[in-house]
Amino acid sequence: MGSVTTKKHSNGLEYVDVDTPLCKARIFLQGAQIDLFQPVGKAPLLWVSSADDYQPGSGIRGGIPVCWPWFGQSDNPDWPQHGFARTRIWALESVQMKNQAVELKLTLKISEADKLYWPHDTRVEMLFTLTDTLTVSLKNTNLASYPVSLTQALHSYFPVKDIHQLKATGFKGSKYIEFGEGPFKQNGDEVLFDKETDRVYTQLADVQELHTPDGIIEVSRENSHSAVLWNPWIDKSQRLSRFNSDDYQTMVCLEAANVLEDKLTLAPDETHMLTTKIGWKD
C-alpha cells in the first residue's frame, strides 16, 4: 500500500514523505510546498536548484511554491515578493490513502503579524492528490462579510534537461504580455526559448505540453484563465537567490494562475479552487 510519514530535513524543515507503488513525493509544511514528485519507473516531474539549501524562512527555489495572496511584487514594495504563504508553516490537517492514491490537506492560519498584509477573514487550504500524476489545488474561502480580492499562482518548476531543445505547445489563439511591457500580443501554438521569457498568458486552452528530451510533460489548469511562462535566461540568472548561473538551461516554469485581469474576487462565503494537474504523457 505504501507509506506517508512526517520527517525532518537536516536544516530543520518538516516535510511529509510519500512512498507508494505509484509515486514518491515530498511536501514541506513550510509553504505547503512540494519539491519532489516522481512516478514509479519514470523521471521526476519537478525541478529544484542545487543551490537551494532549504533554510527555514526562505521559499524553496523549485518544486511548486505557493504565491498568495499576491503574485509578484505587492503595491507595497517593502512587502515580500509573491506574498507570504510560501514561507509560513502550514498545518497538516488530513491524510487519506484510497487504494494506491494519497490525498493530503494543509491549511494556513493567518498570524497576527501577517494581518498587516492580509487583514481579511479567509480560509486557505492546499490539497494534494498523488497517484502516477500530481494534482495540486489552492482553495480560498471568503469568510468576511465583504468581497475580497487577491492574485495567486502555483509556481511550478519543471525539469527540461536542455532549454534549447524545449518546445512548449498549447498556446494557439492565446494572448500574452511580457512582464513590464505591453500591450498584449497574439501567440501561435508553439513557444521556443532563446532569451528571457517572462509572460502572462490569457485566453489559452486548459492544457499545455512541454516537449522535453526526456518526454512530454502535460500540464493542465482549472479555474485559471491566466498562466505564467518563465525562464530567467542568462543575465537574470546572475541576480537570483538560491539559483546557479547555469540553472536556466535545465528548468522552465509554467504556472496555473489568477493574475492581471484574471484577479480573483470572492463574494462573502464564496469558495474558489485553483488546480493544476501534472504528468508524463504516454
Protein backbone atom coordinates (compact mmCIF):
# COMPACT_ATOMS: atom_id res chain seq x y z
CA MET A 1 0.00 0.00 0.00
CA GLY A 2 2.87 2.38 0.69
CA SER A 3 3.57 4.87 3.46
CA VAL A 4 3.03 8.50 4.41
CA THR A 5 5.31 9.71 7.19
CA THR A 6 6.43 13.03 8.66
CA LYS A 7 10.18 13.62 8.64
CA LYS A 8 12.61 16.46 9.26
CA HIS A 9 15.18 17.86 6.83
CA SER A 10 18.75 18.26 8.11
CA ASN A 11 18.17 22.04 8.22
CA GLY A 12 15.10 21.63 10.42
CA LEU A 13 12.19 21.91 7.98
CA GLU A 14 9.45 19.32 8.48
CA TYR A 15 8.03 17.50 5.48
CA VAL A 16 5.63 14.74 4.54
CA ASP A 17 7.32 11.81 2.83
CA VAL A 18 5.12 9.80 0.44
CA ASP A 19 6.21 6.40 -0.88
CA THR A 20 3.59 4.31 -2.70
CA PRO A 21 3.53 1.76 -5.53
CA LEU A 22 2.67 4.68 -7.85
CA CYS A 23 4.99 7.52 -6.80
CA LYS A 24 7.44 9.11 -4.42
CA ALA A 25 6.83 12.66 -3.17
CA ARG A 26 7.92 15.16 -0.56
CA ILE A 27 5.79 18.06 0.70
CA PHE A 28 7.21 20.62 3.14
CA LEU A 29 4.98 22.15 5.79
CA GLN A 30 6.76 25.44 5.18
CA GLY A 31 4.84 26.94 2.30
CA ALA A 32 2.83 23.75 1.74
CA GLN A 33 5.45 23.29 -0.95
CA ILE A 34 6.00 20.06 -2.84
CA ASP A 35 9.58 19.76 -4.09
CA LEU A 36 9.65 16.14 -5.26
CA PHE A 37 7.18 14.12 -7.30
CA GLN A 38 8.34 11.07 -9.21
CA PRO A 39 6.03 8.46 -10.71
CA VAL A 40 7.44 4.96 -10.24
CA GLY A 41 9.59 3.95 -13.21
CA LYS A 42 9.68 7.49 -14.63
CA ALA A 43 11.77 10.64 -14.26
CA PRO A 44 10.95 13.32 -11.63
CA LEU A 45 8.36 15.87 -12.71
CA LEU A 46 9.59 18.79 -10.61
CA TRP A 47 12.87 20.73 -10.65
CA VAL A 48 14.79 22.22 -7.70
CA SER A 49 18.01 24.22 -7.89
CA SER A 50 21.03 22.53 -6.35
CA ALA A 51 21.91 25.98 -4.95
CA ASP A 52 18.93 25.90 -2.57
CA ASP A 53 19.87 24.88 0.98
CA TYR A 54 16.35 24.55 2.43
CA GLN A 55 16.72 27.26 5.02
CA PRO A 56 13.78 27.99 7.33
CA GLY A 57 12.14 31.26 6.35
CA SER A 58 13.17 31.07 2.68
CA GLY A 59 10.95 29.67 -0.04
CA ILE A 60 12.47 26.71 -1.87
CA ARG A 61 13.76 27.58 -5.35
CA GLY A 62 11.89 24.86 -7.20
CA GLY A 63 9.02 22.44 -6.86
CA ILE A 64 5.72 24.32 -6.61
CA PRO A 65 5.91 27.47 -4.46
CA VAL A 66 2.51 28.88 -3.48
CA CYS A 67 2.20 32.54 -4.46
CA TRP A 68 -0.54 34.00 -2.23
CA PRO A 69 -2.28 36.42 -1.63
CA TRP A 70 -0.47 38.29 -4.37
CA PHE A 71 1.69 37.27 -7.32
CA GLY A 72 4.92 39.14 -7.97
CA GLN A 73 5.51 42.41 -6.19
CA SER A 74 2.81 43.92 -4.00
CA ASP A 75 1.77 47.54 -4.37
CA ASN A 76 3.83 48.00 -1.21
CA PRO A 77 7.48 47.48 -2.28
CA ASP A 78 8.51 46.55 1.27
CA TRP A 79 6.24 43.52 1.35
CA PRO A 80 7.55 40.06 0.37
CA GLN A 81 7.69 39.03 -3.27
CA HIS A 82 4.89 36.59 -4.20
CA GLY A 83 3.12 37.03 -0.87
CA PHE A 84 3.86 35.46 2.50
CA ALA A 85 2.24 32.00 2.27
CA ARG A 86 5.33 30.33 0.78
CA THR A 87 7.46 31.00 3.87
CA ARG A 88 4.86 30.24 6.57
CA ILE A 89 4.34 26.93 8.34
CA TRP A 90 1.11 25.26 7.25
CA ALA A 91 -0.75 22.67 9.33
CA LEU A 92 -1.19 19.12 8.02
CA GLU A 93 -4.93 18.64 8.52
CA SER A 94 -5.57 15.24 6.99
CA VAL A 95 -4.01 12.31 5.14
CA GLN A 96 -6.07 9.70 3.32
CA MET A 97 -4.99 6.66 1.34
CA LYS A 98 -7.56 5.30 -1.11
CA ASN A 99 -6.37 2.23 -2.97
CA GLN A 100 -2.94 3.48 -4.07
CA ALA A 101 -3.80 7.18 -4.12
CA VAL A 102 -2.75 9.59 -1.37
CA GLU A 103 -4.73 12.72 -0.54
CA LEU A 104 -3.38 15.42 1.78
CA LYS A 105 -4.84 18.67 3.05
CA LEU A 106 -2.82 21.52 4.58
CA THR A 107 -4.20 24.76 5.98
CA LEU A 108 -2.66 28.17 6.65
CA LYS A 109 -3.54 30.08 9.79
CA ILE A 110 -3.08 33.82 9.35
CA SER A 111 -0.95 35.07 12.24
CA GLU A 112 -1.45 38.40 13.96
CA ALA A 113 1.77 39.64 12.33
CA ASP A 114 0.56 38.61 8.86
CA LYS A 115 -2.67 40.54 9.31
CA LEU A 116 -0.55 43.57 8.40
CA TYR A 117 -0.54 42.12 4.87
CA TRP A 118 -3.87 40.33 4.95
CA PRO A 119 -6.47 41.67 7.43
CA HIS A 120 -9.31 39.69 5.81
CA ASP A 121 -11.09 36.66 7.26
CA THR A 122 -10.37 33.85 4.80
CA ARG A 123 -9.69 30.13 4.89
CA VAL A 124 -6.79 28.92 2.74
CA GLU A 125 -6.09 25.26 2.01
CA MET A 126 -3.71 23.26 -0.16
CA LEU A 127 -4.92 19.90 -1.46
CA PHE A 128 -2.66 17.25 -2.98
CA THR A 129 -3.67 14.08 -4.81
CA LEU A 130 -0.76 11.78 -5.57
CA THR A 131 -1.05 8.83 -7.96
CA ASP A 132 1.08 8.39 -11.09
CA THR A 133 0.11 12.02 -11.71
CA LEU A 134 0.17 15.03 -9.38
CA THR A 135 -2.88 17.19 -8.71
CA VAL A 136 -2.43 20.34 -6.61
CA SER A 137 -5.22 22.71 -5.59
CA LEU A 138 -5.18 26.05 -3.80
CA LYS A 139 -8.58 26.58 -2.16
CA ASN A 140 -9.75 30.01 -0.99
CA THR A 141 -12.92 30.70 1.02
CA ASN A 142 -14.02 34.22 1.90
CA LEU A 143 -15.40 34.22 5.46
CA ALA A 144 -15.69 38.01 5.58
CA SER A 145 -18.90 39.99 5.12
CA TYR A 146 -17.47 41.91 2.17
CA PRO A 147 -15.77 40.99 -1.16
CA VAL A 148 -12.07 40.11 -1.03
CA SER A 149 -9.65 40.32 -3.99
CA LEU A 150 -6.32 38.59 -4.50
CA THR A 151 -3.90 37.25 -7.09
CA GLN A 152 -2.27 33.84 -6.87
CA ALA A 153 -0.22 31.21 -8.67
CA LEU A 154 1.05 27.66 -8.33
CA HIS A 155 4.62 28.48 -9.40
CA SER A 156 5.52 25.09 -10.91
CA TYR A 157 9.16 24.42 -11.88
CA PHE A 158 9.73 21.70 -14.48
CA PRO A 159 12.92 19.85 -15.50
CA VAL A 160 13.71 20.24 -19.20
CA LYS A 161 17.33 18.95 -19.45
CA ASP A 162 18.16 21.44 -22.22
CA ILE A 163 16.15 24.66 -22.60
CA HIS A 164 17.35 24.98 -26.20
CA GLN A 165 15.54 21.73 -27.04
CA LEU A 166 12.31 22.60 -25.21
CA LYS A 167 9.13 23.21 -27.17
CA ALA A 168 6.02 24.33 -25.29
CA THR A 169 2.68 23.83 -27.06
CA GLY A 170 -0.99 24.51 -26.41
CA PHE A 171 -0.92 28.29 -26.85
CA LYS A 172 -2.89 28.60 -30.10
CA GLY A 173 -5.28 31.56 -30.05
CA SER A 174 -3.91 32.91 -26.78
CA LYS A 175 -2.61 36.36 -25.94
CA TYR A 176 0.40 37.22 -23.81
CA ILE A 177 2.14 40.16 -22.28
CA GLU A 178 5.78 40.27 -21.23
CA PHE A 179 6.09 41.50 -17.64
CA GLY A 180 6.98 45.17 -17.71
CA GLU A 181 5.91 45.52 -21.34
CA GLY A 182 2.69 45.86 -23.31
CA PRO A 183 0.26 45.67 -24.95
CA PHE A 184 -0.90 42.06 -25.32
CA LYS A 185 0.41 40.12 -28.31
CA GLN A 186 -1.15 37.24 -30.22
CA ASN A 187 0.55 33.88 -29.90
CA GLY A 188 0.84 30.82 -32.14
CA ASP A 189 0.67 27.28 -30.81
CA GLU A 190 4.39 26.81 -30.05
CA VAL A 191 6.87 28.61 -27.82
CA LEU A 192 10.63 28.13 -28.21
CA PHE A 193 13.27 29.57 -25.87
CA ASP A 194 16.28 31.63 -26.90
CA LYS A 195 16.05 34.57 -24.46
CA GLU A 196 14.50 35.57 -21.15
CA THR A 197 10.80 34.66 -21.13
CA ASP A 198 8.51 36.21 -18.51
CA ARG A 199 4.96 36.13 -19.82
CA VAL A 200 1.39 36.16 -18.60
CA TYR A 201 -0.92 34.33 -20.98
CA THR A 202 -4.68 34.78 -21.28
CA GLN A 203 -7.35 33.22 -23.48
CA LEU A 204 -5.42 29.95 -23.67
CA ALA A 205 -6.50 26.33 -23.57
CA ASP A 206 -6.69 24.44 -20.28
CA VAL A 207 -3.84 22.07 -21.24
CA GLN A 208 -0.27 22.79 -22.35
CA GLU A 209 2.56 20.37 -23.13
CA LEU A 210 6.28 20.67 -22.51
CA HIS A 211 8.17 18.65 -25.13
CA THR A 212 11.50 17.85 -23.44
CA PRO A 213 14.36 15.49 -24.35
CA ASP A 214 13.04 13.11 -21.66
CA GLY A 215 9.44 13.07 -22.88
CA ILE A 216 6.30 15.19 -22.85
CA ILE A 217 5.02 16.75 -19.61
CA GLU A 218 1.31 17.52 -19.71
CA VAL A 219 0.19 20.46 -17.56
CA SER A 220 -3.48 21.28 -17.09
CA ARG A 221 -5.29 24.04 -15.18
CA GLU A 222 -8.75 24.51 -13.69
CA ASN A 223 -10.35 27.80 -12.61
CA SER A 224 -7.41 29.65 -14.12
CA HIS A 225 -7.83 31.97 -17.08
CA SER A 226 -4.21 33.12 -16.91
CA ALA A 227 -0.91 31.27 -16.88
CA VAL A 228 2.68 32.37 -16.36
CA LEU A 229 5.57 31.08 -18.50
CA TRP A 230 9.05 31.89 -17.19
CA ASN A 231 12.71 31.25 -17.83
CA PRO A 232 15.20 33.84 -16.48
CA TRP A 233 17.88 33.16 -19.13
CA ILE A 234 21.46 34.34 -18.69
CA ASP A 235 21.51 37.84 -17.18
CA LYS A 236 18.71 37.42 -14.66
CA SER A 237 20.14 34.09 -13.51
CA GLN A 238 23.14 36.02 -12.16
CA ARG A 239 20.85 38.01 -9.86
CA LEU A 240 18.52 35.35 -8.49
CA SER A 241 18.98 34.00 -4.99
CA ARG A 242 19.44 30.25 -4.45
CA PHE A 243 19.92 29.78 -8.18
CA ASN A 244 23.03 28.70 -10.09
CA SER A 245 24.11 30.84 -13.03
CA ASP A 246 23.51 27.97 -15.46
CA ASP A 247 20.25 26.69 -13.93
CA TYR A 248 18.20 28.40 -16.63
CA GLN A 249 19.37 25.71 -19.04
CA THR A 250 17.53 22.91 -17.21
CA MET A 251 14.23 24.42 -16.00
CA VAL A 252 11.10 26.24 -17.02
CA CYS A 253 8.10 27.49 -15.05
CA LEU A 254 4.55 27.04 -16.33
CA GLU A 255 2.14 28.26 -13.68
CA ALA A 256 -1.59 27.99 -13.11
CA ALA A 257 -2.56 31.48 -12.02
CA ASN A 258 -5.17 34.15 -11.44
CA VAL A 259 -3.36 37.41 -12.22
CA LEU A 260 -3.86 40.74 -14.05
CA GLU A 261 -7.48 40.92 -15.31
CA ASP A 262 -7.94 37.35 -14.05
CA LYS A 263 -7.59 38.64 -10.48
CA LEU A 264 -9.80 36.69 -8.10
CA THR A 265 -12.62 38.50 -6.28
CA LEU A 266 -14.59 36.40 -3.80
CA ALA A 267 -18.02 37.37 -2.57
CA PRO A 268 -18.87 36.66 1.10
CA ASP A 269 -18.95 32.87 1.70
CA GLU A 270 -17.66 32.18 -1.82
CA THR A 271 -15.07 29.45 -2.41
CA HIS A 272 -12.63 29.18 -5.33
CA MET A 273 -10.21 26.36 -6.11
CA LEU A 274 -7.23 26.85 -8.43
CA THR A 275 -5.96 23.48 -9.65
CA THR A 276 -3.05 22.19 -11.71
CA LYS A 277 -2.51 18.59 -12.79
CA ILE A 278 0.89 17.36 -13.94
CA GLY A 279 2.01 14.10 -15.50
CA TRP A 280 4.20 12.43 -18.10
CA LYS A 281 2.28 11.87 -21.30
CA ASP A 282 2.47 8.26 -22.50
